[in-house]
């Protein structure tokens, strides 16, 4: 029986860890969490915000997915969108999900991210 999502794995190109750290910590407000040493040797980085974990793994022939993305629930969505814009991240609003406000953005390597808040 599935009880919860443990984490979401996103891919990233080799050598992008510092850009990812800056974005996921300073822009999104997440905390970097240490990878186990055997996995740290592969590169990449992991982040957490409360119960949400995003793992960024290195993929040599990386291409960002055009459709696949994590959906991240937020509070104060207008302020959160303004925070992303202030850091130069794109914000594209979408009103297609009833009873929610949401927007899409991208991390520095092009991974699509959805941010949503219930109305």
N, C-alpha and C. Protein backbone atom coordinates (compact mmCIF):
# COMPACT_ATOMS: atom_id res chain seq x y z
N UNK A 1 0.84 -1.17 0.00
CA UNK A 1 0.00 0.00 0.00
C UNK A 1 0.89 1.25 0.00
N UNK A 2 0.63 2.16 -0.91
CA UNK A 2 1.37 3.42 -0.97
C UNK A 2 0.81 4.36 0.09
N UNK A 3 1.71 4.99 0.85
CA UNK A 3 1.26 5.88 1.92
C UNK A 3 1.64 7.35 1.70
N UNK A 4 2.65 7.61 0.88
CA UNK A 4 3.07 8.99 0.64
C UNK A 4 4.09 9.02 -0.48
N UNK A 5 4.34 10.19 -1.03
CA UNK A 5 5.44 10.38 -1.96
C UNK A 5 6.66 10.74 -1.13
N UNK A 6 7.73 10.01 -1.29
CA UNK A 6 8.95 10.27 -0.53
C UNK A 6 9.71 11.46 -1.12
N UNK A 7 9.85 11.49 -2.44
CA UNK A 7 10.55 12.58 -3.11
C UNK A 7 10.21 12.57 -4.59
N UNK A 8 10.57 13.63 -5.26
CA UNK A 8 10.48 13.71 -6.72
C UNK A 8 11.89 13.92 -7.23
N UNK A 9 12.26 13.14 -8.23
CA UNK A 9 13.59 13.24 -8.84
C UNK A 9 13.48 14.04 -10.13
N UNK A 10 14.32 15.05 -10.25
CA UNK A 10 14.45 15.81 -11.48
C UNK A 10 15.88 15.63 -11.99
N UNK A 11 16.07 15.80 -13.28
CA UNK A 11 17.40 15.66 -13.86
C UNK A 11 18.03 17.03 -14.06
N UNK A 12 19.35 17.02 -14.21
CA UNK A 12 20.11 18.25 -14.43
C UNK A 12 21.38 17.90 -15.18
N UNK A 13 21.94 18.86 -15.90
CA UNK A 13 23.18 18.59 -16.64
C UNK A 13 24.40 18.59 -15.72
N UNK A 14 25.47 17.92 -16.13
CA UNK A 14 26.70 17.92 -15.35
C UNK A 14 27.18 19.35 -15.10
N UNK A 15 27.70 19.60 -13.90
CA UNK A 15 28.27 20.89 -13.56
C UNK A 15 27.27 21.97 -13.18
N UNK A 16 25.99 21.62 -13.01
CA UNK A 16 24.96 22.63 -12.72
C UNK A 16 24.63 22.76 -11.23
N UNK A 17 25.31 22.03 -10.39
CA UNK A 17 24.95 22.00 -8.97
C UNK A 17 24.93 23.38 -8.30
N UNK A 18 25.89 24.23 -8.56
CA UNK A 18 25.92 25.54 -7.89
C UNK A 18 24.73 26.40 -8.32
N UNK A 19 24.38 26.39 -9.59
CA UNK A 19 23.20 27.14 -10.04
C UNK A 19 21.94 26.59 -9.39
N UNK A 20 21.85 25.27 -9.29
CA UNK A 20 20.69 24.64 -8.65
C UNK A 20 20.61 25.00 -7.17
N UNK A 21 21.75 24.97 -6.49
CA UNK A 21 21.77 25.33 -5.06
C UNK A 21 21.27 26.76 -4.87
N UNK A 22 21.75 27.67 -5.68
CA UNK A 22 21.31 29.06 -5.57
C UNK A 22 19.82 29.21 -5.79
N UNK A 23 19.29 28.53 -6.77
CA UNK A 23 17.87 28.64 -7.08
C UNK A 23 16.99 27.98 -6.02
N UNK A 24 17.27 26.73 -5.71
CA UNK A 24 16.39 26.00 -4.80
C UNK A 24 16.47 26.51 -3.36
N UNK A 25 17.61 27.09 -2.96
CA UNK A 25 17.69 27.63 -1.60
C UNK A 25 17.28 29.11 -1.56
N UNK A 26 17.94 29.96 -2.32
CA UNK A 26 17.67 31.40 -2.25
C UNK A 26 16.34 31.80 -2.88
N UNK A 27 15.99 31.20 -3.98
CA UNK A 27 14.76 31.60 -4.69
C UNK A 27 13.55 30.87 -4.12
N UNK A 28 13.61 29.54 -4.05
CA UNK A 28 12.45 28.78 -3.57
C UNK A 28 12.39 28.69 -2.06
N UNK A 29 13.49 28.95 -1.37
CA UNK A 29 13.48 28.90 0.09
C UNK A 29 13.58 27.50 0.67
N UNK A 30 14.10 26.56 -0.11
CA UNK A 30 14.27 25.20 0.38
C UNK A 30 15.62 25.10 1.10
N UNK A 31 15.83 23.99 1.79
CA UNK A 31 17.08 23.71 2.49
C UNK A 31 17.76 22.54 1.79
N UNK A 32 19.05 22.69 1.54
CA UNK A 32 19.78 21.55 0.96
C UNK A 32 19.97 20.50 2.04
N UNK A 33 19.75 19.26 1.69
CA UNK A 33 19.98 18.15 2.61
C UNK A 33 21.11 17.29 2.06
N UNK A 34 21.94 16.74 2.93
CA UNK A 34 23.08 15.95 2.45
C UNK A 34 22.63 14.65 1.79
N UNK A 35 23.33 14.33 0.71
CA UNK A 35 23.12 13.04 0.05
C UNK A 35 24.01 12.01 0.76
N UNK A 36 23.56 10.76 0.84
CA UNK A 36 24.45 9.72 1.37
C UNK A 36 25.74 9.70 0.55
N UNK A 37 26.89 9.47 1.19
CA UNK A 37 28.17 9.54 0.48
C UNK A 37 28.23 8.72 -0.81
N UNK A 38 27.67 7.52 -0.80
CA UNK A 38 27.73 6.70 -2.02
C UNK A 38 26.96 7.36 -3.16
N UNK A 39 25.91 8.11 -2.86
CA UNK A 39 25.14 8.81 -3.89
C UNK A 39 25.75 10.18 -4.22
N UNK A 40 26.37 10.82 -3.24
CA UNK A 40 26.99 12.13 -3.47
C UNK A 40 28.08 12.05 -4.53
N UNK A 41 28.74 10.90 -4.63
CA UNK A 41 29.79 10.72 -5.62
C UNK A 41 29.26 10.85 -7.05
N UNK A 42 27.96 10.68 -7.23
CA UNK A 42 27.35 10.78 -8.56
C UNK A 42 27.04 12.22 -8.96
N UNK A 43 27.20 13.17 -8.01
CA UNK A 43 26.84 14.56 -8.28
C UNK A 43 25.38 14.81 -7.98
N UNK A 44 24.93 16.01 -8.28
CA UNK A 44 23.55 16.37 -8.00
C UNK A 44 23.39 16.90 -6.59
N UNK A 45 22.15 17.24 -6.22
CA UNK A 45 21.87 17.78 -4.90
C UNK A 45 20.41 17.54 -4.54
N UNK A 46 20.15 17.50 -3.24
CA UNK A 46 18.81 17.26 -2.71
C UNK A 46 18.36 18.45 -1.88
N UNK A 47 17.04 18.72 -1.93
CA UNK A 47 16.48 19.85 -1.21
C UNK A 47 15.19 19.45 -0.51
N UNK A 48 14.88 20.19 0.59
CA UNK A 48 13.67 19.90 1.36
C UNK A 48 13.01 21.21 1.78
N UNK A 49 11.68 21.18 1.79
CA UNK A 49 10.86 22.24 2.40
C UNK A 49 9.73 21.50 3.10
N UNK A 50 9.77 21.48 4.43
CA UNK A 50 8.83 20.71 5.25
C UNK A 50 8.86 19.25 4.79
N UNK A 51 7.74 18.66 4.39
CA UNK A 51 7.71 17.25 4.00
C UNK A 51 8.04 17.02 2.53
N UNK A 52 8.30 18.08 1.78
CA UNK A 52 8.57 17.98 0.34
C UNK A 52 10.06 17.84 0.09
N UNK A 53 10.45 16.83 -0.69
CA UNK A 53 11.84 16.67 -1.10
C UNK A 53 11.93 16.65 -2.61
N UNK A 54 12.88 17.41 -3.14
CA UNK A 54 13.22 17.37 -4.55
C UNK A 54 14.67 16.93 -4.67
N UNK A 55 14.91 15.92 -5.47
CA UNK A 55 16.26 15.42 -5.70
C UNK A 55 16.64 15.78 -7.14
N UNK A 56 17.79 16.40 -7.31
CA UNK A 56 18.29 16.75 -8.64
C UNK A 56 19.47 15.84 -8.93
N UNK A 57 19.28 14.97 -9.92
CA UNK A 57 20.32 14.03 -10.29
C UNK A 57 20.95 14.41 -11.61
N UNK A 58 22.22 14.12 -11.73
CA UNK A 58 22.97 14.48 -12.93
C UNK A 58 22.72 13.46 -14.04
N UNK A 59 22.43 14.00 -15.21
CA UNK A 59 22.15 13.18 -16.40
C UNK A 59 23.03 13.73 -17.53
N UNK A 60 24.02 12.95 -17.99
CA UNK A 60 24.96 13.46 -19.00
C UNK A 60 24.30 14.02 -20.26
N UNK A 61 23.27 13.40 -20.76
CA UNK A 61 22.62 13.91 -21.98
C UNK A 61 21.31 14.62 -21.63
N UNK A 62 21.33 15.41 -20.58
CA UNK A 62 20.15 16.08 -20.04
C UNK A 62 19.42 16.92 -21.09
N UNK A 63 18.10 16.77 -21.06
CA UNK A 63 17.17 17.65 -21.78
C UNK A 63 15.98 17.82 -20.85
N UNK A 64 15.59 19.06 -20.54
CA UNK A 64 14.45 19.23 -19.62
C UNK A 64 13.17 18.68 -20.23
N UNK A 65 12.35 18.06 -19.39
CA UNK A 65 11.06 17.55 -19.85
C UNK A 65 10.17 18.73 -20.20
N UNK A 66 9.40 18.61 -21.26
CA UNK A 66 8.53 19.70 -21.69
C UNK A 66 7.21 19.70 -20.93
N UNK A 67 6.76 18.54 -20.46
CA UNK A 67 5.46 18.43 -19.81
C UNK A 67 5.56 17.96 -18.36
N UNK A 68 6.40 16.99 -18.10
CA UNK A 68 6.51 16.43 -16.74
C UNK A 68 7.01 17.48 -15.77
N UNK A 69 6.46 17.46 -14.54
CA UNK A 69 6.84 18.45 -13.54
C UNK A 69 6.28 18.06 -12.18
N UNK A 70 6.91 18.54 -11.09
CA UNK A 70 6.29 18.40 -9.78
C UNK A 70 5.29 19.54 -9.58
N UNK A 71 4.22 19.27 -8.87
CA UNK A 71 3.26 20.29 -8.47
C UNK A 71 3.49 20.59 -7.00
N UNK A 72 3.86 21.81 -6.68
CA UNK A 72 4.23 22.19 -5.33
C UNK A 72 3.18 23.12 -4.73
N UNK A 73 2.57 22.70 -3.63
CA UNK A 73 1.57 23.55 -2.95
C UNK A 73 2.29 24.64 -2.17
N UNK A 74 1.75 25.85 -2.27
CA UNK A 74 2.32 26.98 -1.57
C UNK A 74 1.22 27.75 -0.84
N UNK A 75 1.62 28.59 0.07
CA UNK A 75 0.71 29.55 0.69
C UNK A 75 1.17 30.94 0.25
N UNK A 76 0.22 31.86 0.13
CA UNK A 76 0.58 33.20 -0.31
C UNK A 76 1.13 33.20 -1.72
N UNK A 77 0.37 32.63 -2.65
CA UNK A 77 0.87 32.40 -4.01
C UNK A 77 1.28 33.69 -4.72
N UNK A 78 0.57 34.80 -4.48
CA UNK A 78 0.96 36.05 -5.14
C UNK A 78 2.33 36.52 -4.68
N UNK A 79 2.58 36.45 -3.39
CA UNK A 79 3.88 36.84 -2.86
C UNK A 79 4.97 35.88 -3.34
N UNK A 80 4.63 34.60 -3.46
CA UNK A 80 5.60 33.62 -3.92
C UNK A 80 5.96 33.86 -5.38
N UNK A 81 4.95 34.18 -6.20
CA UNK A 81 5.20 34.50 -7.61
C UNK A 81 6.08 35.75 -7.71
N UNK A 82 5.80 36.75 -6.88
CA UNK A 82 6.60 37.97 -6.89
C UNK A 82 8.05 37.67 -6.49
N UNK A 83 8.23 36.77 -5.54
CA UNK A 83 9.58 36.37 -5.11
C UNK A 83 10.34 35.77 -6.28
N UNK A 84 9.70 34.86 -7.03
CA UNK A 84 10.37 34.24 -8.16
C UNK A 84 10.71 35.28 -9.23
N UNK A 85 9.75 36.16 -9.54
CA UNK A 85 10.00 37.21 -10.53
C UNK A 85 11.16 38.10 -10.11
N UNK A 86 11.21 38.45 -8.83
CA UNK A 86 12.29 39.32 -8.33
C UNK A 86 13.66 38.68 -8.52
N UNK A 87 13.71 37.36 -8.57
CA UNK A 87 14.97 36.65 -8.80
C UNK A 87 15.17 36.31 -10.28
N UNK A 88 14.31 36.84 -11.14
CA UNK A 88 14.47 36.63 -12.58
C UNK A 88 13.90 35.34 -13.11
N UNK A 89 13.15 34.62 -12.30
CA UNK A 89 12.54 33.36 -12.75
C UNK A 89 11.23 33.66 -13.49
N UNK A 90 10.93 32.93 -14.55
CA UNK A 90 9.68 33.17 -15.27
C UNK A 90 8.48 32.73 -14.43
N UNK A 91 7.37 33.43 -14.57
CA UNK A 91 6.12 33.09 -13.91
C UNK A 91 5.01 33.16 -14.96
N UNK A 92 4.37 32.02 -15.23
CA UNK A 92 3.29 31.95 -16.19
C UNK A 92 2.04 31.44 -15.50
N UNK A 93 1.06 32.33 -15.32
CA UNK A 93 -0.18 31.97 -14.63
C UNK A 93 -1.04 31.10 -15.52
N UNK A 94 -1.80 30.20 -14.89
CA UNK A 94 -2.71 29.29 -15.59
C UNK A 94 -3.97 29.16 -14.75
N UNK A 95 -5.11 29.49 -15.34
CA UNK A 95 -6.37 29.42 -14.59
C UNK A 95 -7.20 28.18 -14.95
N UNK A 96 -6.56 27.15 -15.48
CA UNK A 96 -7.27 25.98 -15.95
C UNK A 96 -7.63 24.93 -14.91
N UNK A 97 -7.25 25.12 -13.67
CA UNK A 97 -7.55 24.13 -12.63
C UNK A 97 -8.58 24.72 -11.68
N UNK A 98 -9.82 24.22 -11.71
CA UNK A 98 -10.87 24.78 -10.84
C UNK A 98 -10.47 24.74 -9.37
N UNK A 99 -10.90 25.74 -8.65
CA UNK A 99 -10.69 25.87 -7.21
C UNK A 99 -9.23 26.06 -6.80
N UNK A 100 -8.39 26.43 -7.74
CA UNK A 100 -6.97 26.66 -7.45
C UNK A 100 -6.46 27.87 -8.21
N UNK A 101 -5.44 28.49 -7.66
CA UNK A 101 -4.64 29.45 -8.40
C UNK A 101 -3.30 28.76 -8.60
N UNK A 102 -2.75 28.91 -9.80
CA UNK A 102 -1.47 28.26 -10.05
C UNK A 102 -0.67 29.00 -11.10
N UNK A 103 0.63 28.76 -11.06
CA UNK A 103 1.52 29.26 -12.10
C UNK A 103 2.63 28.24 -12.32
N UNK A 104 3.27 28.39 -13.47
CA UNK A 104 4.41 27.55 -13.83
C UNK A 104 5.66 28.41 -13.87
N UNK A 105 6.79 27.78 -13.60
CA UNK A 105 8.07 28.43 -13.70
C UNK A 105 9.09 27.38 -14.14
N UNK A 106 10.34 27.78 -14.21
CA UNK A 106 11.42 26.86 -14.57
C UNK A 106 12.62 27.12 -13.67
N UNK A 107 13.33 26.05 -13.36
CA UNK A 107 14.58 26.22 -12.62
C UNK A 107 15.68 26.64 -13.61
N UNK A 108 16.90 26.89 -13.15
CA UNK A 108 17.95 27.41 -14.04
C UNK A 108 18.35 26.47 -15.17
N UNK A 109 17.99 25.20 -15.09
CA UNK A 109 18.35 24.27 -16.17
C UNK A 109 17.14 23.90 -17.03
N UNK A 110 16.00 24.53 -16.77
CA UNK A 110 14.82 24.32 -17.62
C UNK A 110 13.80 23.34 -17.12
N UNK A 111 13.96 22.80 -15.91
CA UNK A 111 12.93 21.91 -15.37
C UNK A 111 11.66 22.70 -15.09
N UNK A 112 10.53 22.20 -15.53
CA UNK A 112 9.24 22.84 -15.32
C UNK A 112 8.76 22.57 -13.89
N UNK A 113 8.27 23.61 -13.23
CA UNK A 113 7.74 23.50 -11.87
C UNK A 113 6.38 24.16 -11.82
N UNK A 114 5.43 23.51 -11.16
CA UNK A 114 4.10 24.07 -10.97
C UNK A 114 3.93 24.45 -9.50
N UNK A 115 3.38 25.62 -9.25
CA UNK A 115 3.10 26.10 -7.90
C UNK A 115 1.61 26.36 -7.82
N UNK A 116 0.93 25.81 -6.79
CA UNK A 116 -0.51 25.98 -6.70
C UNK A 116 -0.97 26.18 -5.27
N UNK A 117 -2.12 26.87 -5.18
CA UNK A 117 -2.74 27.16 -3.90
C UNK A 117 -4.25 27.01 -4.07
N UNK A 118 -4.89 26.32 -3.13
CA UNK A 118 -6.35 26.19 -3.16
C UNK A 118 -6.98 27.54 -2.93
N UNK A 119 -8.13 27.76 -3.58
CA UNK A 119 -8.88 29.03 -3.37
C UNK A 119 -9.67 28.95 -2.11
